């Protein structure tokens, strides 16, 4: 097992990463959430723009890579999230 401080360091690192890579491109009406290393966010833009944001975010650090599930219905952790509008 790692040090008890490892989770704290990981959260600090991810906070800085998401501040630079993700939060600057989201509008105020979007939703963003993270649990450990699982990220969920809404982005009401064309698919090409979403893919560009993910590509940019993947370039911030070689050890962090996002995998995208784009659609009206996605799973996040143990939830199935639907957008009916």
PDB file of N, CA and C in Angstrom:
ATOM      1  N   UNK A   1       0.841  -1.186   0.000  1.00  0.00           N
ATOM      2  CA  UNK A   1       0.000   0.000   0.000  1.00  0.00           C
ATOM      3  C   UNK A   1       0.878   1.237   0.000  1.00  0.00           C
ATOM      4  N   UNK A   2       0.351   2.284  -0.563  1.00  0.00           N
ATOM      5  CA  UNK A   2       1.072   3.545  -0.618  1.00  0.00           C
ATOM      6  C   UNK A   2       0.881   4.348   0.652  1.00  0.00           C
ATOM      7  N   UNK A   3       1.495   5.470   0.670  1.00  0.00           N
ATOM      8  CA  UNK A   3       1.385   6.385   1.799  1.00  0.00           C
ATOM      9  C   UNK A   3      -0.039   6.943   1.883  1.00  0.00           C
ATOM     10  N   UNK A   4      -0.521   7.224   3.095  1.00  0.00           N
ATOM     11  CA  UNK A   4      -1.839   7.849   3.232  1.00  0.00           C
ATOM     12  C   UNK A   4      -1.908   9.221   2.546  1.00  0.00           C
ATOM     13  N   UNK A   5      -0.764   9.823   2.338  1.00  0.00           N
ATOM     14  CA  UNK A   5      -0.697  11.140   1.718  1.00  0.00           C
ATOM     15  C   UNK A   5      -0.835  11.071   0.196  1.00  0.00           C
ATOM     16  N   UNK A   6      -0.745   9.865  -0.372  1.00  0.00           N
ATOM     17  CA  UNK A   6      -0.785   9.694  -1.823  1.00  0.00           C
ATOM     18  C   UNK A   6      -2.080  10.229  -2.425  1.00  0.00           C
ATOM     19  N   UNK A   7      -3.211   9.924  -1.823  1.00  0.00           N
ATOM     20  CA  UNK A   7      -4.501  10.390  -2.343  1.00  0.00           C
ATOM     21  C   UNK A   7      -4.584  11.913  -2.328  1.00  0.00           C
ATOM     22  N   UNK A   8      -4.074  12.527  -1.271  1.00  0.00           N
ATOM     23  CA  UNK A   8      -4.069  13.986  -1.192  1.00  0.00           C
ATOM     24  C   UNK A   8      -3.225  14.589  -2.312  1.00  0.00           C
ATOM     25  N   UNK A   9      -2.043  14.032  -2.533  1.00  0.00           N
ATOM     26  CA  UNK A   9      -1.186  14.522  -3.614  1.00  0.00           C
ATOM     27  C   UNK A   9      -1.847  14.333  -4.975  1.00  0.00           C
ATOM     28  N   UNK A  10      -2.489  13.191  -5.172  1.00  0.00           N
ATOM     29  CA  UNK A  10      -3.175  12.929  -6.439  1.00  0.00           C
ATOM     30  C   UNK A  10      -4.305  13.930  -6.661  1.00  0.00           C
ATOM     31  N   UNK A  11      -5.045  14.250  -5.614  1.00  0.00           N
ATOM     32  CA  UNK A  11      -6.132  15.228  -5.737  1.00  0.00           C
ATOM     33  C   UNK A  11      -5.608  16.626  -6.048  1.00  0.00           C
ATOM     34  N   UNK A  12      -4.493  17.003  -5.443  1.00  0.00           N
ATOM     35  CA  UNK A  12      -3.889  18.306  -5.744  1.00  0.00           C
ATOM     36  C   UNK A  12      -3.442  18.351  -7.200  1.00  0.00           C
ATOM     37  N   UNK A  13      -2.796  17.286  -7.643  1.00  0.00           N
ATOM     38  CA  UNK A  13      -2.329  17.215  -9.024  1.00  0.00           C
ATOM     39  C   UNK A  13      -3.499  17.292  -9.993  1.00  0.00           C
ATOM     40  N   UNK A  14      -4.563  16.525  -9.729  1.00  0.00           N
ATOM     41  CA  UNK A  14      -5.727  16.521 -10.613  1.00  0.00           C
ATOM     42  C   UNK A  14      -6.448  17.863 -10.597  1.00  0.00           C
ATOM     43  N   UNK A  15      -6.482  18.531  -9.446  1.00  0.00           N
ATOM     44  CA  UNK A  15      -7.107  19.855  -9.379  1.00  0.00           C
ATOM     45  C   UNK A  15      -6.388  20.817 -10.313  1.00  0.00           C
ATOM     46  N   UNK A  16      -5.057  20.807 -10.260  1.00  0.00           N
ATOM     47  CA  UNK A  16      -4.284  21.693 -11.137  1.00  0.00           C
ATOM     48  C   UNK A  16      -4.490  21.304 -12.597  1.00  0.00           C
ATOM     49  N   UNK A  17      -4.485  20.009 -12.881  1.00  0.00           N
ATOM     50  CA  UNK A  17      -4.680  19.545 -14.255  1.00  0.00           C
ATOM     51  C   UNK A  17      -6.042  19.978 -14.788  1.00  0.00           C
ATOM     52  N   UNK A  18      -7.109  19.732 -14.007  1.00  0.00           N
ATOM     53  CA  UNK A  18      -8.443  20.065 -14.501  1.00  0.00           C
ATOM     54  C   UNK A  18      -8.650  21.570 -14.603  1.00  0.00           C
ATOM     55  N   UNK A  19      -8.006  22.334 -13.752  1.00  0.00           N
ATOM     56  CA  UNK A  19      -8.094  23.792 -13.836  1.00  0.00           C
ATOM     57  C   UNK A  19      -7.518  24.279 -15.164  1.00  0.00           C
ATOM     58  N   UNK A  20      -6.411  23.712 -15.594  1.00  0.00           N
ATOM     59  CA  UNK A  20      -5.761  24.115 -16.840  1.00  0.00           C
ATOM     60  C   UNK A  20      -6.373  23.453 -18.070  1.00  0.00           C
ATOM     61  N   UNK A  21      -6.738  22.197 -17.960  1.00  0.00           N
ATOM     62  CA  UNK A  21      -7.130  21.426 -19.141  1.00  0.00           C
ATOM     63  C   UNK A  21      -8.620  21.471 -19.451  1.00  0.00           C
ATOM     64  N   UNK A  22      -9.457  21.553 -18.446  1.00  0.00           N
ATOM     65  CA  UNK A  22     -10.892  21.385 -18.660  1.00  0.00           C
ATOM     66  C   UNK A  22     -11.707  22.624 -18.290  1.00  0.00           C
ATOM     67  N   UNK A  23     -11.542  23.101 -17.089  1.00  0.00           N
ATOM     68  CA  UNK A  23     -12.466  24.112 -16.566  1.00  0.00           C
ATOM     69  C   UNK A  23     -12.452  25.415 -17.344  1.00  0.00           C
ATOM     70  N   UNK A  24     -11.371  25.736 -18.007  1.00  0.00           N
ATOM     71  CA  UNK A  24     -11.319  26.965 -18.785  1.00  0.00           C
ATOM     72  C   UNK A  24     -12.201  26.953 -20.018  1.00  0.00           C
ATOM     73  N   UNK A  25     -12.569  25.773 -20.504  1.00  0.00           N
ATOM     74  CA  UNK A  25     -13.371  25.692 -21.725  1.00  0.00           C
ATOM     75  C   UNK A  25     -14.855  25.470 -21.454  1.00  0.00           C
ATOM     76  N   UNK A  26     -15.222  25.125 -20.239  1.00  0.00           N
ATOM     77  CA  UNK A  26     -16.626  24.878 -19.926  1.00  0.00           C
ATOM     78  C   UNK A  26     -17.347  26.188 -19.639  1.00  0.00           C
ATOM     79  N   UNK A  27     -18.556  26.288 -20.111  1.00  0.00           N
ATOM     80  CA  UNK A  27     -19.395  27.446 -19.837  1.00  0.00           C
ATOM     81  C   UNK A  27     -19.982  27.308 -18.434  1.00  0.00           C
ATOM     82  N   UNK A  28     -20.519  28.389 -17.908  1.00  0.00           N
ATOM     83  CA  UNK A  28     -21.047  28.366 -16.545  1.00  0.00           C
ATOM     84  C   UNK A  28     -22.264  27.459 -16.403  1.00  0.00           C
ATOM     85  N   UNK A  29     -22.985  27.172 -17.477  1.00  0.00           N
ATOM     86  CA  UNK A  29     -24.181  26.335 -17.392  1.00  0.00           C
ATOM     87  C   UNK A  29     -23.871  24.848 -17.606  1.00  0.00           C
ATOM     88  N   UNK A  30     -22.615  24.504 -17.773  1.00  0.00           N
ATOM     89  CA  UNK A  30     -22.233  23.104 -17.959  1.00  0.00           C
ATOM     90  C   UNK A  30     -22.021  22.434 -16.603  1.00  0.00           C
ATOM     91  N   UNK A  31     -21.971  21.121 -16.614  1.00  0.00           N
ATOM     92  CA  UNK A  31     -21.763  20.336 -15.398  1.00  0.00           C
ATOM     93  C   UNK A  31     -20.398  19.672 -15.483  1.00  0.00           C
ATOM     94  N   UNK A  32     -19.641  19.744 -14.399  1.00  0.00           N
ATOM     95  CA  UNK A  32     -18.345  19.069 -14.326  1.00  0.00           C
ATOM     96  C   UNK A  32     -18.249  18.394 -12.969  1.00  0.00           C
ATOM     97  N   UNK A  33     -17.830  17.139 -12.965  1.00  0.00           N
ATOM     98  CA  UNK A  33     -17.621  16.429 -11.715  1.00  0.00           C
ATOM     99  C   UNK A  33     -16.514  15.404 -11.858  1.00  0.00           C
ATOM    100  N   UNK A  34     -15.815  15.159 -10.759  1.00  0.00           N
ATOM    101  CA  UNK A  34     -14.736  14.177 -10.765  1.00  0.00           C
ATOM    102  C   UNK A  34     -14.790  13.383  -9.471  1.00  0.00           C
ATOM    103  N   UNK A  35     -14.652  12.076  -9.578  1.00  0.00           N
ATOM    104  CA  UNK A  35     -14.501  11.201  -8.428  1.00  0.00           C
ATOM    105  C   UNK A  35     -13.220  10.409  -8.651  1.00  0.00           C
ATOM    106  N   UNK A  36     -12.202  10.709  -7.872  1.00  0.00           N
ATOM    107  CA  UNK A  36     -10.866  10.125  -7.993  1.00  0.00           C
ATOM    108  C   UNK A  36     -10.349  10.348  -9.420  1.00  0.00           C
ATOM    109  N   UNK A  37     -10.405   9.336 -10.265  1.00  0.00           N
ATOM    110  CA  UNK A  37      -9.898   9.498 -11.633  1.00  0.00           C
ATOM    111  C   UNK A  37     -10.992   9.336 -12.684  1.00  0.00           C
ATOM    112  N   UNK A  38     -12.239   9.417 -12.269  1.00  0.00           N
ATOM    113  CA  UNK A  38     -13.372   9.359 -13.199  1.00  0.00           C
ATOM    114  C   UNK A  38     -13.959  10.759 -13.334  1.00  0.00           C
ATOM    115  N   UNK A  39     -14.076  11.219 -14.576  1.00  0.00           N
ATOM    116  CA  UNK A  39     -14.543  12.579 -14.842  1.00  0.00           C
ATOM    117  C   UNK A  39     -15.833  12.519 -15.655  1.00  0.00           C
ATOM    118  N   UNK A  40     -16.772  13.388 -15.290  1.00  0.00           N
ATOM    119  CA  UNK A  40     -18.010  13.540 -16.046  1.00  0.00           C
ATOM    120  C   UNK A  40     -18.202  15.022 -16.310  1.00  0.00           C
ATOM    121  N   UNK A  41     -18.484  15.383 -17.555  1.00  0.00           N
ATOM    122  CA  UNK A  41     -18.863  16.761 -17.829  1.00  0.00           C
ATOM    123  C   UNK A  41     -19.791  16.833 -19.024  1.00  0.00           C
ATOM    124  N   UNK A  42     -20.623  17.869 -19.007  1.00  0.00           N
ATOM    125  CA  UNK A  42     -21.505  18.134 -20.140  1.00  0.00           C
ATOM    126  C   UNK A  42     -20.875  19.234 -20.974  1.00  0.00           C
ATOM    127  N   UNK A  43     -21.165  19.198 -22.263  1.00  0.00           N
ATOM    128  CA  UNK A  43     -20.566  20.168 -23.182  1.00  0.00           C
ATOM    129  C   UNK A  43     -21.514  20.291 -24.360  1.00  0.00           C
ATOM    130  N   UNK A  44     -22.260  21.359 -24.398  1.00  0.00           N
ATOM    131  CA  UNK A  44     -23.285  21.545 -25.417  1.00  0.00           C
ATOM    132  C   UNK A  44     -22.700  22.239 -26.650  1.00  0.00           C
ATOM    133  N   UNK A  45     -21.837  21.521 -27.332  1.00  0.00           N
ATOM    134  CA  UNK A  45     -21.160  22.031 -28.527  1.00  0.00           C
ATOM    135  C   UNK A  45     -21.115  20.910 -29.560  1.00  0.00           C
ATOM    136  N   UNK A  46     -20.753  21.214 -30.796  1.00  0.00           N
ATOM    137  CA  UNK A  46     -20.626  20.155 -31.807  1.00  0.00           C
ATOM    138  C   UNK A  46     -19.573  19.115 -31.411  1.00  0.00           C
ATOM    139  N   UNK A  47     -19.773  17.904 -31.911  1.00  0.00           N
ATOM    140  CA  UNK A  47     -18.884  16.792 -31.567  1.00  0.00           C
ATOM    141  C   UNK A  47     -17.423  17.104 -31.891  1.00  0.00           C
ATOM    142  N   UNK A  48     -17.156  17.800 -32.983  1.00  0.00           N
ATOM    143  CA  UNK A  48     -15.777  18.137 -33.364  1.00  0.00           C
ATOM    144  C   UNK A  48     -15.106  19.015 -32.307  1.00  0.00           C
ATOM    145  N   UNK A  49     -15.866  19.938 -31.718  1.00  0.00           N
ATOM    146  CA  UNK A  49     -15.297  20.804 -30.680  1.00  0.00           C
ATOM    147  C   UNK A  49     -15.021  20.013 -29.406  1.00  0.00           C
ATOM    148  N   UNK A  50     -15.911  19.097 -29.070  1.00  0.00           N
ATOM    149  CA  UNK A  50     -15.693  18.242 -27.898  1.00  0.00           C
ATOM    150  C   UNK A  50     -14.424  17.420 -28.088  1.00  0.00           C
ATOM    151  N   UNK A  51     -14.271  16.831 -29.260  1.00  0.00           N
ATOM    152  CA  UNK A  51     -13.080  16.030 -29.540  1.00  0.00           C
ATOM    153  C   UNK A  51     -11.816  16.876 -29.479  1.00  0.00           C
ATOM    154  N   UNK A  52     -11.888  18.140 -29.909  1.00  0.00           N
ATOM    155  CA  UNK A  52     -10.728  19.033 -29.834  1.00  0.00           C
ATOM    156  C   UNK A  52     -10.366  19.341 -28.384  1.00  0.00           C
ATOM    157  N   UNK A  53     -11.369  19.541 -27.530  1.00  0.00           N
ATOM    158  CA  UNK A  53     -11.122  19.798 -26.107  1.00  0.00           C
ATOM    159  C   UNK A  53     -10.459  18.585 -25.469  1.00  0.00           C
ATOM    160  N   UNK A  54     -10.947  17.397 -25.779  1.00  0.00           N
ATOM    161  CA  UNK A  54     -10.371  16.178 -25.208  1.00  0.00           C
ATOM    162  C   UNK A  54      -8.939  15.989 -25.694  1.00  0.00           C
ATOM    163  N   UNK A  55      -8.697  16.254 -26.961  1.00  0.00           N
ATOM    164  CA  UNK A  55      -7.337  16.142 -27.499  1.00  0.00           C
ATOM    165  C   UNK A  55      -6.400  17.118 -26.792  1.00  0.00           C
ATOM    166  N   UNK A  56      -6.857  18.352 -26.591  1.00  0.00           N
ATOM    167  CA  UNK A  56      -6.050  19.350 -25.887  1.00  0.00           C
ATOM    168  C   UNK A  56      -5.787  18.911 -24.447  1.00  0.00           C
ATOM    169  N   UNK A  57      -6.821  18.420 -23.765  1.00  0.00           N
ATOM    170  CA  UNK A  57      -6.666  17.968 -22.381  1.00  0.00           C
ATOM    171  C   UNK A  57      -5.694  16.803 -22.287  1.00  0.00           C
ATOM    172  N   UNK A  58      -5.703  15.922 -23.276  1.00  0.00           N
ATOM    173  CA  UNK A  58      -4.779  14.787 -23.273  1.00  0.00           C
ATOM    174  C   UNK A  58      -3.332  15.218 -23.479  1.00  0.00           C
ATOM    175  N   UNK A  59      -3.105  16.422 -23.963  1.00  0.00           N
ATOM    176  CA  UNK A  59      -1.750  16.903 -24.186  1.00  0.00           C
ATOM    177  C   UNK A  59      -1.110  17.573 -22.984  1.00  0.00           C
ATOM    178  N   UNK A  60      -1.856  17.754 -21.889  1.00  0.00           N
ATOM    179  CA  UNK A  60      -1.314  18.452 -20.730  1.00  0.00           C
ATOM    180  C   UNK A  60      -0.331  17.619 -19.920  1.00  0.00           C
ATOM    181  N   UNK A  61      -0.503  16.325 -19.895  1.00  0.00           N
ATOM    182  CA  UNK A  61       0.415  15.465 -19.130  1.00  0.00           C
ATOM    183  C   UNK A  61       0.412  14.078 -19.752  1.00  0.00           C
ATOM    184  N   UNK A  62       1.591  13.468 -19.925  1.00  0.00           N
ATOM    185  CA  UNK A  62       1.654  12.168 -20.609  1.00  0.00           C
ATOM    186  C   UNK A  62       0.998  11.021 -19.843  1.00  0.00           C
ATOM    187  N   UNK A  63       0.824  11.161 -18.537  1.00  0.00           N
ATOM    188  CA  UNK A  63       0.233  10.076 -17.746  1.00  0.00           C
ATOM    189  C   UNK A  63      -1.278  10.185 -17.593  1.00  0.00           C
ATOM    190  N   UNK A  64      -1.875  11.233 -18.115  1.00  0.00           N
ATOM    191  CA  UNK A  64      -3.327  11.405 -18.007  1.00  0.00           C
ATOM    192  C   UNK A  64      -3.919  11.385 -19.405  1.00  0.00           C
ATOM    193  N   UNK A  65      -4.796  10.433 -19.636  1.00  0.00           N
ATOM    194  CA  UNK A  65      -5.469  10.309 -20.926  1.00  0.00           C
ATOM    195  C   UNK A  65      -6.970  10.166 -20.690  1.00  0.00           C
ATOM    196  N   UNK A  66      -7.729  11.002 -21.368  1.00  0.00           N
ATOM    197  CA  UNK A  66      -9.181  10.917 -21.289  1.00  0.00           C
ATOM    198  C   UNK A  66      -9.700   9.978 -22.361  1.00  0.00           C
ATOM    199  N   UNK A  67     -10.706   9.221 -21.994  1.00  0.00           N
ATOM    200  CA  UNK A  67     -11.463   8.419 -22.953  1.00  0.00           C
ATOM    201  C   UNK A  67     -12.871   8.983 -22.951  1.00  0.00           C
ATOM    202  N   UNK A  68     -13.405   9.243 -24.113  1.00  0.00           N
ATOM    203  CA  UNK A  68     -14.699   9.911 -24.200  1.00  0.00           C
ATOM    204  C   UNK A  68     -15.814   8.943 -24.552  1.00  0.00           C
ATOM    205  N   UNK A  69     -16.946   9.149 -23.904  1.00  0.00           N
ATOM    206  CA  UNK A  69     -18.212   8.523 -24.274  1.00  0.00           C
ATOM    207  C   UNK A  69     -19.146   9.675 -24.610  1.00  0.00           C
ATOM    208  N   UNK A  70     -19.387   9.873 -25.884  1.00  0.00           N
ATOM    209  CA  UNK A  70     -20.187  11.005 -26.334  1.00  0.00           C
ATOM    210  C   UNK A  70     -21.540  10.493 -26.810  1.00  0.00           C
ATOM    211  N   UNK A  71     -22.605  11.075 -26.272  1.00  0.00           N
ATOM    212  CA  UNK A  71     -23.931  10.673 -26.706  1.00  0.00           C
ATOM    213  C   UNK A  71     -25.005  11.158 -25.762  1.00  0.00           C
ATOM    214  N   UNK A  72     -26.243  10.780 -26.058  1.00  0.00           N
ATOM    215  CA  UNK A  72     -27.374  11.151 -25.210  1.00  0.00           C
ATOM    216  C   UNK A  72     -27.508  10.257 -23.994  1.00  0.00           C
ATOM    217  N   UNK A  73     -26.805   9.135 -23.990  1.00  0.00           N
ATOM    218  CA  UNK A  73     -26.867   8.192 -22.883  1.00  0.00           C
ATOM    219  C   UNK A  73     -25.453   7.680 -22.612  1.00  0.00           C
ATOM    220  N   UNK A  74     -24.942   7.942 -21.416  1.00  0.00           N
ATOM    221  CA  UNK A  74     -23.598   7.493 -21.053  1.00  0.00           C
ATOM    222  C   UNK A  74     -23.627   6.890 -19.654  1.00  0.00           C
ATOM    223  N   UNK A  75     -22.680   6.007 -19.384  1.00  0.00           N
ATOM    224  CA  UNK A  75     -22.562   5.459 -18.035  1.00  0.00           C
ATOM    225  C   UNK A  75     -21.417   6.164 -17.322  1.00  0.00           C
ATOM    226  N   UNK A  76     -21.623   6.439 -16.046  1.00  0.00           N
ATOM    227  CA  UNK A  76     -20.609   7.070 -15.203  1.00  0.00           C
ATOM    228  C   UNK A  76     -20.677   6.410 -13.847  1.00  0.00           C
ATOM    229  N   UNK A  77     -19.573   5.779 -13.456  1.00  0.00           N
ATOM    230  CA  UNK A  77     -19.520   4.976 -12.239  1.00  0.00           C
ATOM    231  C   UNK A  77     -20.633   3.927 -12.333  1.00  0.00           C
ATOM    232  N   UNK A  78     -21.575   3.914 -11.408  1.00  0.00           N
ATOM    233  CA  UNK A  78     -22.658   2.925 -11.456  1.00  0.00           C
ATOM    234  C   UNK A  78     -23.972   3.534 -11.943  1.00  0.00           C
ATOM    235  N   UNK A  79     -23.889   4.653 -12.647  1.00  0.00           N
ATOM    236  CA  UNK A  79     -25.088   5.343 -13.115  1.00  0.00           C
ATOM    237  C   UNK A  79     -25.200   5.286 -14.627  1.00  0.00           C
ATOM    238  N   UNK A  80     -26.422   5.312 -15.102  1.00  0.00           N
ATOM    239  CA  UNK A  80     -26.699   5.471 -16.522  1.00  0.00           C
ATOM    240  C   UNK A  80     -27.382   6.827 -16.667  1.00  0.00           C
ATOM    241  N   UNK A  81     -26.740   7.750 -17.363  1.00  0.00           N
ATOM    242  CA  UNK A  81     -27.220   9.126 -17.453  1.00  0.00           C
ATOM    243  C   UNK A  81     -27.787   9.367 -18.843  1.00  0.00           C
ATOM    244  N   UNK A  82     -29.049   9.823 -18.894  1.00  0.00           N
ATOM    245  CA  UNK A  82     -29.745  10.109 -20.148  1.00  0.00           C
ATOM    246  C   UNK A  82     -29.998  11.598 -20.284  1.00  0.00           C
ATOM    247  N   UNK A  83     -29.838  12.107 -21.485  1.00  0.00           N
ATOM    248  CA  UNK A  83     -30.224  13.478 -21.810  1.00  0.00           C
ATOM    249  C   UNK A  83     -31.400  13.380 -22.770  1.00  0.00           C
ATOM    250  N   UNK A  84     -32.575  13.734 -22.296  1.00  0.00           N
ATOM    251  CA  UNK A  84     -33.780  13.590 -23.109  1.00  0.00           C
ATOM    252  C   UNK A  84     -34.143  14.872 -23.849  1.00  0.00           C
ATOM    253  N   UNK A  85     -33.344  15.907 -23.720  1.00  0.00           N
ATOM    254  CA  UNK A  85     -33.643  17.175 -24.408  1.00  0.00           C
ATOM    255  C   UNK A  85     -32.621  17.433 -25.471  1.00  0.00           C
TER     256      UNK A  85
END
